[in-house]
Amino acid sequence: MIRKSRKEDIDKLVEIWFEVSLKAHDFIGEGYWQAAQEDMREKYLPMSDTYVVEGKNEIRGFVSMLDNYLAAIFIDSRFQSQGYGKKLMDFVKKDRDYIELKVFKKNNKACDFYINNGFKIKDELTDENTNEKEYLMVWKCIE
């Protein structure tokens, strides 16, 4: 089941984001992610349209959109590769003609996920906070 996130979900969402970020971005120091937790809790999640995917009354992952920008999609590591990411991606695509996102180039698993979900690399950039290479990727609805 996918539903709009609620205020009481924030701690769980930040927990999932932090845990998965550490594993997926092992090329960035843990201190970077620790420092970003408060902004995630107080700024980024509240200002985004965030939806959670649940199974057995447990949040398994979430997606956050800022208009047509995919700001975050994270699946609890215990539930990855079970289709939850695809369900969330399909959910946000159904009401949009265009989505863009940035993903670290070294995050091969995420890059593959986005490509498998119809995204194309539009540009290669450098993240100003980490100095890491990242891709700007886009998806366009084809009708």
N, C-alpha and C. Protein backbone atom coordinates (compact mmCIF):
# COMPACT_ATOMS: atom_id res chain seq x y z
N MET A 1 0.83 -1.18 0.00
CA MET A 1 0.00 0.00 0.00
C MET A 1 0.88 1.25 0.00
N ILE A 2 0.52 2.21 -0.83
CA ILE A 2 1.22 3.49 -0.87
C ILE A 2 0.27 4.55 -0.34
N ARG A 3 0.80 5.40 0.54
CA ARG A 3 -0.02 6.47 1.12
C ARG A 3 0.85 7.71 1.33
N LYS A 4 0.18 8.85 1.48
CA LYS A 4 0.87 10.09 1.80
C LYS A 4 1.51 9.96 3.17
N SER A 5 2.72 10.46 3.32
CA SER A 5 3.37 10.37 4.64
C SER A 5 2.67 11.28 5.64
N ARG A 6 2.82 10.91 6.90
CA ARG A 6 2.24 11.68 8.00
C ARG A 6 3.39 12.19 8.88
N LYS A 7 3.08 13.19 9.67
CA LYS A 7 4.09 13.79 10.54
C LYS A 7 4.77 12.74 11.43
N GLU A 8 3.98 11.79 11.91
CA GLU A 8 4.55 10.76 12.80
C GLU A 8 5.47 9.77 12.08
N ASP A 9 5.53 9.84 10.75
CA ASP A 9 6.42 8.96 9.98
C ASP A 9 7.85 9.50 9.89
N ILE A 10 8.05 10.77 10.18
CA ILE A 10 9.33 11.43 9.90
C ILE A 10 10.53 10.69 10.50
N ASP A 11 10.46 10.30 11.77
CA ASP A 11 11.61 9.63 12.39
C ASP A 11 11.98 8.34 11.65
N LYS A 12 10.99 7.57 11.27
CA LYS A 12 11.25 6.32 10.54
C LYS A 12 11.84 6.62 9.16
N LEU A 13 11.33 7.64 8.49
CA LEU A 13 11.85 7.99 7.17
C LEU A 13 13.30 8.44 7.24
N VAL A 14 13.62 9.25 8.24
CA VAL A 14 15.01 9.70 8.42
C VAL A 14 15.90 8.51 8.75
N GLU A 15 15.40 7.59 9.55
CA GLU A 15 16.17 6.37 9.89
C GLU A 15 16.48 5.55 8.63
N ILE A 16 15.48 5.35 7.78
CA ILE A 16 15.69 4.60 6.53
C ILE A 16 16.67 5.36 5.64
N TRP A 17 16.45 6.65 5.48
CA TRP A 17 17.32 7.48 4.63
C TRP A 17 18.78 7.38 5.09
N PHE A 18 19.00 7.54 6.40
CA PHE A 18 20.36 7.54 6.94
C PHE A 18 21.03 6.18 6.73
N GLU A 19 20.35 5.12 7.11
CA GLU A 19 20.92 3.76 7.03
C GLU A 19 21.24 3.40 5.58
N VAL A 20 20.32 3.68 4.67
CA VAL A 20 20.54 3.34 3.27
C VAL A 20 21.59 4.25 2.65
N SER A 21 21.61 5.52 3.03
CA SER A 21 22.62 6.45 2.50
C SER A 21 24.02 6.00 2.85
N LEU A 22 24.22 5.54 4.07
CA LEU A 22 25.55 5.07 4.48
C LEU A 22 26.01 3.90 3.62
N LYS A 23 25.11 2.96 3.35
CA LYS A 23 25.47 1.78 2.55
C LYS A 23 25.65 2.12 1.07
N ALA A 24 24.75 2.92 0.53
CA ALA A 24 24.77 3.22 -0.90
C ALA A 24 25.85 4.22 -1.27
N HIS A 25 26.28 5.00 -0.30
CA HIS A 25 27.26 6.06 -0.57
C HIS A 25 28.49 5.88 0.32
N ASP A 26 29.06 4.69 0.29
CA ASP A 26 30.22 4.42 1.14
C ASP A 26 31.45 5.22 0.73
N PHE A 27 31.37 5.92 -0.38
CA PHE A 27 32.46 6.78 -0.86
C PHE A 27 32.38 8.19 -0.26
N ILE A 28 31.34 8.43 0.55
CA ILE A 28 31.18 9.71 1.26
C ILE A 28 31.21 9.41 2.75
N GLY A 29 31.95 10.20 3.50
CA GLY A 29 32.12 9.96 4.93
C GLY A 29 30.81 10.00 5.71
N GLU A 30 30.74 9.20 6.76
CA GLU A 30 29.53 9.11 7.59
C GLU A 30 29.15 10.47 8.18
N GLY A 31 30.15 11.29 8.48
CA GLY A 31 29.89 12.61 9.07
C GLY A 31 29.00 13.49 8.20
N TYR A 32 29.15 13.36 6.89
CA TYR A 32 28.31 14.12 5.97
C TYR A 32 26.83 13.78 6.17
N TRP A 33 26.55 12.48 6.28
CA TRP A 33 25.16 12.03 6.43
C TRP A 33 24.63 12.36 7.82
N GLN A 34 25.48 12.24 8.85
CA GLN A 34 25.05 12.60 10.20
C GLN A 34 24.67 14.07 10.27
N ALA A 35 25.48 14.91 9.64
CA ALA A 35 25.22 16.36 9.66
C ALA A 35 23.94 16.71 8.91
N ALA A 36 23.58 15.91 7.92
CA ALA A 36 22.40 16.20 7.09
C ALA A 36 21.09 15.71 7.69
N GLN A 37 21.15 14.91 8.75
CA GLN A 37 19.93 14.33 9.32
C GLN A 37 18.91 15.38 9.76
N GLU A 38 19.38 16.42 10.42
CA GLU A 38 18.45 17.43 10.93
C GLU A 38 17.76 18.17 9.79
N ASP A 39 18.53 18.50 8.74
CA ASP A 39 17.91 19.15 7.57
C ASP A 39 16.89 18.23 6.92
N MET A 40 17.20 16.95 6.88
CA MET A 40 16.26 15.98 6.30
C MET A 40 14.95 15.99 7.10
N ARG A 41 15.09 15.98 8.42
CA ARG A 41 13.93 15.92 9.32
C ARG A 41 13.14 17.24 9.33
N GLU A 42 13.83 18.36 9.37
CA GLU A 42 13.18 19.65 9.58
C GLU A 42 12.86 20.40 8.29
N LYS A 43 13.61 20.12 7.22
CA LYS A 43 13.45 20.92 6.01
C LYS A 43 13.02 20.09 4.80
N TYR A 44 13.84 19.14 4.40
CA TYR A 44 13.62 18.45 3.13
C TYR A 44 12.35 17.61 3.09
N LEU A 45 12.15 16.76 4.09
CA LEU A 45 10.94 15.93 4.07
C LEU A 45 9.66 16.76 4.22
N PRO A 46 9.62 17.72 5.15
CA PRO A 46 8.38 18.51 5.27
C PRO A 46 8.03 19.33 4.03
N MET A 47 9.02 19.77 3.25
CA MET A 47 8.71 20.60 2.09
C MET A 47 8.44 19.78 0.83
N SER A 48 8.61 18.47 0.90
CA SER A 48 8.40 17.59 -0.24
C SER A 48 7.03 16.92 -0.17
N ASP A 49 6.57 16.46 -1.33
CA ASP A 49 5.42 15.55 -1.36
C ASP A 49 6.00 14.16 -1.17
N THR A 50 5.77 13.58 0.00
CA THR A 50 6.39 12.31 0.34
C THR A 50 5.32 11.24 0.51
N TYR A 51 5.60 10.09 -0.09
CA TYR A 51 4.70 8.93 -0.02
C TYR A 51 5.48 7.74 0.50
N VAL A 52 4.82 6.95 1.32
CA VAL A 52 5.45 5.76 1.88
C VAL A 52 4.80 4.51 1.30
N VAL A 53 5.59 3.46 1.22
CA VAL A 53 5.06 2.17 0.83
C VAL A 53 5.12 1.30 2.09
N GLU A 54 4.00 0.65 2.39
CA GLU A 54 3.90 -0.16 3.59
C GLU A 54 3.61 -1.61 3.24
N GLY A 55 4.03 -2.48 4.13
CA GLY A 55 3.68 -3.88 4.08
C GLY A 55 3.56 -4.38 5.50
N LYS A 56 2.52 -5.08 5.80
CA LYS A 56 2.28 -5.59 7.16
C LYS A 56 2.42 -4.48 8.20
N ASN A 57 1.79 -3.32 7.91
CA ASN A 57 1.78 -2.17 8.81
C ASN A 57 3.16 -1.65 9.16
N GLU A 58 4.11 -1.82 8.24
CA GLU A 58 5.48 -1.36 8.47
C GLU A 58 5.92 -0.58 7.24
N ILE A 59 6.51 0.60 7.48
CA ILE A 59 7.03 1.39 6.36
C ILE A 59 8.24 0.66 5.78
N ARG A 60 8.17 0.41 4.48
CA ARG A 60 9.25 -0.31 3.79
C ARG A 60 10.13 0.62 2.98
N GLY A 61 9.61 1.81 2.67
CA GLY A 61 10.37 2.78 1.90
C GLY A 61 9.53 4.02 1.65
N PHE A 62 10.15 4.98 0.94
CA PHE A 62 9.44 6.22 0.65
C PHE A 62 10.03 6.90 -0.58
N VAL A 63 9.24 7.79 -1.13
CA VAL A 63 9.67 8.63 -2.25
C VAL A 63 9.26 10.06 -1.91
N SER A 64 10.13 11.03 -2.26
CA SER A 64 9.83 12.44 -2.04
C SER A 64 10.01 13.19 -3.35
N MET A 65 8.99 13.98 -3.68
CA MET A 65 9.01 14.77 -4.91
C MET A 65 8.87 16.25 -4.57
N LEU A 66 9.61 17.07 -5.30
CA LEU A 66 9.45 18.53 -5.29
C LEU A 66 9.03 18.89 -6.71
N ASP A 67 7.76 19.07 -6.92
CA ASP A 67 7.21 19.26 -8.26
C ASP A 67 7.62 18.07 -9.13
N ASN A 68 8.44 18.30 -10.15
CA ASN A 68 8.87 17.21 -11.03
C ASN A 68 10.29 16.74 -10.73
N TYR A 69 10.80 17.09 -9.57
CA TYR A 69 12.15 16.67 -9.17
C TYR A 69 12.04 15.55 -8.13
N LEU A 70 12.64 14.42 -8.45
CA LEU A 70 12.66 13.30 -7.51
C LEU A 70 13.78 13.58 -6.50
N ALA A 71 13.39 14.02 -5.32
CA ALA A 71 14.35 14.43 -4.29
C ALA A 71 14.90 13.23 -3.53
N ALA A 72 14.12 12.17 -3.40
CA ALA A 72 14.56 11.00 -2.64
C ALA A 72 13.69 9.80 -2.96
N ILE A 73 14.33 8.65 -3.03
CA ILE A 73 13.61 7.38 -3.04
C ILE A 73 14.51 6.40 -2.30
N PHE A 74 14.02 5.89 -1.20
CA PHE A 74 14.80 5.01 -0.34
C PHE A 74 13.93 3.85 0.13
N ILE A 75 14.50 2.66 0.03
CA ILE A 75 13.83 1.45 0.50
C ILE A 75 14.67 0.87 1.63
N ASP A 76 14.03 0.56 2.74
CA ASP A 76 14.70 -0.09 3.87
C ASP A 76 15.52 -1.26 3.33
N SER A 77 16.76 -1.37 3.75
CA SER A 77 17.66 -2.39 3.18
C SER A 77 17.12 -3.81 3.33
N ARG A 78 16.28 -4.06 4.33
CA ARG A 78 15.70 -5.39 4.52
C ARG A 78 14.70 -5.73 3.43
N PHE A 79 14.21 -4.71 2.70
CA PHE A 79 13.15 -4.93 1.72
C PHE A 79 13.56 -4.54 0.30
N GLN A 80 14.84 -4.30 0.10
CA GLN A 80 15.30 -3.95 -1.25
C GLN A 80 15.21 -5.16 -2.18
N SER A 81 15.11 -4.86 -3.46
CA SER A 81 15.01 -5.88 -4.52
C SER A 81 13.74 -6.73 -4.40
N GLN A 82 12.68 -6.13 -3.84
CA GLN A 82 11.39 -6.81 -3.74
C GLN A 82 10.29 -6.06 -4.47
N GLY A 83 10.66 -5.07 -5.28
CA GLY A 83 9.69 -4.35 -6.09
C GLY A 83 9.12 -3.08 -5.48
N TYR A 84 9.50 -2.75 -4.26
CA TYR A 84 8.94 -1.57 -3.61
C TYR A 84 9.39 -0.27 -4.29
N GLY A 85 10.64 -0.21 -4.71
CA GLY A 85 11.13 0.98 -5.41
C GLY A 85 10.39 1.19 -6.71
N LYS A 86 10.17 0.12 -7.46
CA LYS A 86 9.43 0.22 -8.73
C LYS A 86 8.00 0.68 -8.48
N LYS A 87 7.37 0.16 -7.43
CA LYS A 87 6.00 0.58 -7.11
C LYS A 87 5.94 2.08 -6.82
N LEU A 88 6.90 2.57 -6.04
CA LEU A 88 6.93 4.00 -5.73
C LEU A 88 7.22 4.82 -6.99
N MET A 89 8.14 4.34 -7.82
CA MET A 89 8.47 5.06 -9.04
C MET A 89 7.25 5.13 -9.96
N ASP A 90 6.58 4.02 -10.15
CA ASP A 90 5.37 4.01 -10.98
C ASP A 90 4.30 4.94 -10.42
N PHE A 91 4.20 5.00 -9.10
CA PHE A 91 3.22 5.85 -8.44
C PHE A 91 3.46 7.33 -8.76
N VAL A 92 4.71 7.78 -8.68
CA VAL A 92 4.97 9.20 -8.95
C VAL A 92 4.95 9.52 -10.44
N LYS A 93 5.21 8.53 -11.27
CA LYS A 93 5.17 8.75 -12.73
C LYS A 93 3.75 8.95 -13.23
N LYS A 94 2.77 8.35 -12.59
CA LYS A 94 1.41 8.35 -13.16
C LYS A 94 0.79 9.74 -13.26
N ASP A 95 1.24 10.68 -12.47
CA ASP A 95 0.69 12.03 -12.51
C ASP A 95 1.63 13.06 -13.12
N ARG A 96 2.70 12.59 -13.76
CA ARG A 96 3.70 13.50 -14.32
C ARG A 96 4.08 13.10 -15.74
N ASP A 97 4.47 14.10 -16.51
CA ASP A 97 4.97 13.86 -17.86
C ASP A 97 6.49 13.86 -17.90
N TYR A 98 7.10 14.37 -16.82
CA TYR A 98 8.54 14.59 -16.80
C TYR A 98 9.03 14.52 -15.36
N ILE A 99 10.13 13.82 -15.14
CA ILE A 99 10.77 13.77 -13.82
C ILE A 99 12.28 13.90 -14.03
N GLU A 100 12.92 14.66 -13.17
CA GLU A 100 14.37 14.69 -13.21
C GLU A 100 14.91 14.43 -11.81
N LEU A 101 16.17 14.01 -11.76
CA LEU A 101 16.82 13.68 -10.50
C LEU A 101 18.32 13.79 -10.67
N LYS A 102 19.01 13.80 -9.54
CA LYS A 102 20.47 13.70 -9.54
C LYS A 102 20.83 12.47 -8.72
N VAL A 103 21.85 11.76 -9.20
CA VAL A 103 22.31 10.55 -8.52
C VAL A 103 23.83 10.51 -8.63
N PHE A 104 24.49 10.11 -7.54
CA PHE A 104 25.94 9.99 -7.58
C PHE A 104 26.36 8.93 -8.59
N LYS A 105 27.33 9.27 -9.41
CA LYS A 105 27.82 8.38 -10.46
C LYS A 105 28.31 7.05 -9.87
N LYS A 106 28.92 7.10 -8.69
CA LYS A 106 29.46 5.89 -8.06
C LYS A 106 28.39 5.00 -7.45
N ASN A 107 27.16 5.47 -7.37
CA ASN A 107 26.06 4.67 -6.82
C ASN A 107 25.48 3.82 -7.96
N ASN A 108 26.23 2.80 -8.33
CA ASN A 108 25.88 1.97 -9.49
C ASN A 108 24.49 1.33 -9.38
N LYS A 109 24.15 0.86 -8.21
CA LYS A 109 22.85 0.20 -8.03
C LYS A 109 21.71 1.17 -8.32
N ALA A 110 21.82 2.40 -7.82
CA ALA A 110 20.77 3.39 -8.07
C ALA A 110 20.75 3.80 -9.54
N CYS A 111 21.93 4.00 -10.13
CA CYS A 111 21.98 4.36 -11.56
C CYS A 111 21.28 3.30 -12.40
N ASP A 112 21.57 2.04 -12.11
CA ASP A 112 20.93 0.94 -12.85
C ASP A 112 19.42 0.93 -12.62
N PHE A 113 18.99 1.19 -11.39
CA PHE A 113 17.56 1.24 -11.07
C PHE A 113 16.86 2.30 -11.92
N TYR A 114 17.45 3.49 -11.96
CA TYR A 114 16.82 4.57 -12.72
C TYR A 114 16.79 4.26 -14.22
N ILE A 115 17.88 3.74 -14.75
CA ILE A 115 17.91 3.38 -16.17
C ILE A 115 16.85 2.32 -16.47
N ASN A 116 16.75 1.32 -15.59
CA ASN A 116 15.73 0.27 -15.77
C ASN A 116 14.31 0.80 -15.66
N ASN A 117 14.16 1.98 -15.06
CA ASN A 117 12.84 2.60 -14.93
C ASN A 117 12.65 3.74 -15.94
N GLY A 118 13.43 3.72 -17.01
CA GLY A 118 13.21 4.62 -18.12
C GLY A 118 13.91 5.97 -18.08
N PHE A 119 14.77 6.19 -17.11
CA PHE A 119 15.51 7.45 -17.03
C PHE A 119 16.72 7.41 -17.96
N LYS A 120 17.06 8.59 -18.47
CA LYS A 120 18.23 8.73 -19.33
C LYS A 120 19.16 9.77 -18.72
N ILE A 121 20.46 9.56 -18.90
CA ILE A 121 21.44 10.53 -18.41
C ILE A 121 21.40 11.76 -19.32
N LYS A 122 21.18 12.92 -18.72
CA LYS A 122 21.13 14.17 -19.46
C LYS A 122 22.44 14.92 -19.36
N ASP A 123 23.11 14.82 -18.20
CA ASP A 123 24.34 15.57 -17.99
C ASP A 123 25.15 14.94 -16.86
N GLU A 124 26.43 15.23 -16.84
CA GLU A 124 27.28 14.83 -15.73
C GLU A 124 27.73 16.10 -15.03
N LEU A 125 27.52 16.14 -13.72
CA LEU A 125 27.81 17.32 -12.92
C LEU A 125 28.74 16.96 -11.77
N THR A 126 29.13 17.95 -10.99
CA THR A 126 29.87 17.71 -9.76
C THR A 126 29.08 18.29 -8.60
N ASP A 127 28.77 17.44 -7.62
CA ASP A 127 28.03 17.89 -6.44
C ASP A 127 28.91 18.85 -5.64
N GLU A 128 28.39 20.04 -5.39
CA GLU A 128 29.21 21.07 -4.73
C GLU A 128 29.49 20.77 -3.26
N ASN A 129 28.66 19.96 -2.61
CA ASN A 129 28.87 19.65 -1.19
C ASN A 129 29.89 18.54 -0.97
N THR A 130 29.98 17.60 -1.91
CA THR A 130 30.86 16.44 -1.73
C THR A 130 31.99 16.38 -2.74
N ASN A 131 31.90 17.18 -3.79
CA ASN A 131 32.86 17.15 -4.90
C ASN A 131 32.83 15.83 -5.67
N GLU A 132 31.75 15.08 -5.51
CA GLU A 132 31.58 13.80 -6.22
C GLU A 132 30.84 14.04 -7.53
N LYS A 133 31.18 13.24 -8.53
CA LYS A 133 30.48 13.29 -9.81
C LYS A 133 29.07 12.74 -9.63
N GLU A 134 28.13 13.36 -10.34
CA GLU A 134 26.75 12.91 -10.30
C GLU A 134 26.14 13.06 -11.68
N TYR A 135 25.10 12.27 -11.90
CA TYR A 135 24.36 12.38 -13.15
C TYR A 135 23.07 13.15 -12.91
N LEU A 136 22.73 13.99 -13.88
CA LEU A 136 21.40 14.54 -13.96
C LEU A 136 20.66 13.62 -14.91
N MET A 137 19.58 13.01 -14.42
CA MET A 137 18.83 12.05 -15.21
C MET A 137 17.40 12.55 -15.39
N VAL A 138 16.80 12.18 -16.52
CA VAL A 138 15.43 12.59 -16.80
C VAL A 138 14.61 11.42 -17.31
N TRP A 139 13.32 11.50 -17.00
CA TRP A 139 12.33 10.56 -17.54
C TRP A 139 11.22 11.38 -18.16
N LYS A 140 10.79 10.98 -19.34
CA LYS A 140 9.68 11.65 -20.01
C LYS A 140 8.63 10.62 -20.37
N CYS A 141 7.39 10.99 -20.11
CA CYS A 141 6.28 10.13 -20.46
C CYS A 141 6.15 10.07 -21.98
N ILE A 142 6.01 8.88 -22.50
CA ILE A 142 5.85 8.69 -23.95
C ILE A 142 4.42 8.22 -24.19
N GLU A 143 3.66 9.03 -24.90
CA GLU A 143 2.28 8.65 -25.21
C GLU A 143 2.01 8.81 -26.66
